[in-house]
Amino acid sequence: MVLFKHTKTRKKPNNPPVQWKITKECLDLILEGAKSIYPKEFGGLLRVDTTNKHTITEVILLPGTISGGSQALFKLHMLPIDLSIIGTAHSHPSGISLPSRADLELFDKYGKVHIIVATPFDQLSWRAYSYAGDAIHITII
């Protein structure tokens, strides 16, 4: 007895990649937050504009986030129900803006866009990544 009949596999539509943007003020806040807590790691969540879903406009600081010399631990249970939060931002005081294994695990579990800022915490020392850990481009507006 066949309960499920195999049907043709549907092809996923070729959606164009999302063109992410971040406001200069928001990026400056992330960079300044990282500078102010250096040599510890800074961590926050990224929120998009409610009308333009691909423009990051705010950084949310979660209560209870622990900043250490080699990690920022988010207390995600403190996260409000907010569908406009789309990813994370954190710093790497080491100066390397590549994701660590722990970063990749976080990216995979939470959010679509992730930003890592590294020393010297300027406009050239940050990188953005997708949930899969692939480098992505974000335009500063």
Protein backbone atom coordinates (compact mmCIF):
# COMPACT_ATOMS: atom_id res chain seq x y z
CA MET A 1 0.00 0.00 0.00
CA VAL A 2 1.48 3.34 -1.06
CA LEU A 3 0.66 6.17 1.31
CA PHE A 4 2.71 8.87 -0.31
CA LYS A 5 3.23 9.17 -3.99
CA HIS A 6 6.47 10.73 -5.17
CA THR A 7 5.72 13.77 -7.26
CA LYS A 8 8.01 15.92 -9.34
CA THR A 9 10.39 17.98 -7.31
CA ARG A 10 9.72 21.65 -7.59
CA LYS A 11 12.56 23.87 -8.55
CA LYS A 12 13.23 26.71 -6.19
CA PRO A 13 12.70 30.07 -7.87
CA ASN A 14 15.86 31.99 -8.68
CA ASN A 15 15.26 34.92 -6.38
CA PRO A 16 17.73 37.76 -6.80
CA PRO A 17 20.04 38.22 -3.79
CA VAL A 18 18.87 40.72 -1.20
CA GLN A 19 20.58 44.10 -1.45
CA TRP A 20 21.18 44.84 2.23
CA LYS A 21 21.81 48.38 3.44
CA ILE A 22 22.83 49.89 6.78
CA THR A 23 22.56 53.48 7.88
CA LYS A 24 25.84 55.22 8.59
CA GLU A 25 24.55 56.14 12.05
CA CYS A 26 23.83 52.49 12.86
CA LEU A 27 27.24 51.30 11.66
CA ASP A 28 28.90 54.13 13.62
CA LEU A 29 27.04 53.00 16.75
CA ILE A 30 28.33 49.43 16.30
CA LEU A 31 31.90 50.68 15.74
CA GLU A 32 31.77 53.07 18.72
CA GLY A 33 30.24 50.38 20.96
CA ALA A 34 33.10 48.05 20.03
CA LYS A 35 35.69 50.77 20.72
CA SER A 36 34.16 51.64 24.08
CA ILE A 37 34.26 48.06 25.40
CA TYR A 38 37.64 47.10 23.88
CA PRO A 39 39.50 44.76 24.70
CA LYS A 40 36.28 42.87 25.43
CA GLU A 41 33.85 41.79 22.70
CA PHE A 42 30.84 43.96 21.95
CA GLY A 43 27.56 42.32 20.96
CA GLY A 44 24.16 43.50 19.77
CA LEU A 45 21.24 42.58 17.53
CA LEU A 46 20.40 44.18 14.19
CA ARG A 47 16.96 45.63 13.52
CA VAL A 48 15.62 46.63 10.11
CA ASP A 49 13.35 49.50 9.25
CA THR A 50 9.73 48.33 9.35
CA THR A 51 8.91 49.89 5.99
CA ASN A 52 12.15 48.98 4.19
CA LYS A 53 12.84 45.42 5.31
CA HIS A 54 16.37 45.38 3.86
CA THR A 55 17.75 48.46 5.60
CA ILE A 56 19.40 47.98 9.00
CA THR A 57 18.67 51.02 11.13
CA GLU A 58 19.15 50.02 14.78
CA VAL A 59 21.28 47.99 17.15
CA ILE A 60 19.47 46.37 20.07
CA LEU A 61 21.45 45.63 23.23
CA LEU A 62 20.05 42.62 25.07
CA PRO A 63 19.94 42.71 28.86
CA GLY A 64 22.38 40.25 30.38
CA THR A 65 24.75 40.07 27.39
CA ILE A 66 28.14 38.99 28.73
CA SER A 67 31.21 40.56 27.15
CA GLY A 68 34.51 38.75 27.56
CA GLY A 69 37.98 38.84 26.08
CA SER A 70 37.16 36.27 23.42
CA GLN A 71 33.38 36.13 23.29
CA ALA A 72 30.12 38.00 23.64
CA LEU A 73 27.36 35.77 24.99
CA PHE A 74 23.85 36.78 24.00
CA LYS A 75 20.99 35.93 26.34
CA LEU A 76 18.59 35.18 23.51
CA HIS A 77 15.85 34.22 25.96
CA MET A 78 15.74 37.95 26.80
CA LEU A 79 14.90 38.78 23.19
CA PRO A 80 11.50 40.40 22.73
CA ILE A 81 9.20 39.02 20.06
CA ASP A 82 10.22 41.33 17.25
CA LEU A 83 10.24 40.22 13.63
CA SER A 84 12.29 43.25 12.61
CA ILE A 85 15.40 41.84 14.34
CA ILE A 86 17.29 40.11 11.55
CA GLY A 87 20.73 39.25 12.85
CA THR A 88 23.69 40.09 15.06
CA ALA A 89 26.64 42.42 15.29
CA HIS A 90 29.71 41.79 17.39
CA SER A 91 33.35 42.72 17.61
CA HIS A 92 36.59 40.79 17.33
CA PRO A 93 39.23 42.62 19.38
CA SER A 94 41.83 40.37 17.74
CA GLY A 95 41.61 42.43 14.55
CA ILE A 96 40.38 39.51 12.44
CA SER A 97 36.87 39.96 11.04
CA LEU A 98 36.44 36.34 9.95
CA PRO A 99 33.77 34.28 11.75
CA SER A 100 34.88 31.70 14.30
CA ARG A 101 33.29 28.28 14.61
CA ALA A 102 31.10 29.61 17.44
CA ASP A 103 30.09 32.54 15.20
CA LEU A 104 29.08 30.17 12.39
CA GLU A 105 26.94 28.16 14.81
CA LEU A 106 25.19 31.35 15.95
CA PHE A 107 24.72 32.54 12.34
CA ASP A 108 23.13 29.22 11.40
CA LYS A 109 20.69 29.32 14.30
CA TYR A 110 19.71 32.96 14.43
CA GLY A 111 19.15 35.62 11.83
CA LYS A 112 19.90 36.39 8.20
CA VAL A 113 22.64 39.02 8.43
CA HIS A 114 25.63 39.18 10.76
CA ILE A 115 28.25 41.88 11.11
CA ILE A 116 31.71 41.43 12.62
CA VAL A 117 33.77 44.54 13.38
CA ALA A 118 37.48 44.29 14.14
CA THR A 119 40.15 46.63 15.42
CA PRO A 120 40.73 49.48 14.66
CA PHE A 121 36.90 49.67 14.48
CA ASP A 122 36.68 51.98 11.49
CA GLN A 123 34.71 52.05 8.22
CA LEU A 124 37.16 49.58 6.65
CA SER A 125 37.42 47.03 9.47
CA TRP A 126 34.05 45.31 9.33
CA ARG A 127 32.54 42.46 7.31
CA ALA A 128 29.03 41.10 6.86
CA TYR A 129 27.99 37.46 6.57
CA SER A 130 24.87 35.49 5.72
CA TYR A 131 23.33 32.88 8.00
CA ALA A 132 25.48 30.30 6.16
CA GLY A 133 28.70 32.20 6.90
CA ASP A 134 29.15 33.48 3.35
CA ALA A 135 30.51 37.02 2.98
CA ILE A 136 27.83 39.44 1.78
CA HIS A 137 27.86 43.08 0.75
CA ILE A 138 26.01 45.73 2.75
CA THR A 139 25.78 49.27 1.37
CA ILE A 140 26.24 52.13 3.82
CA ILE A 141 23.59 54.82 3.33
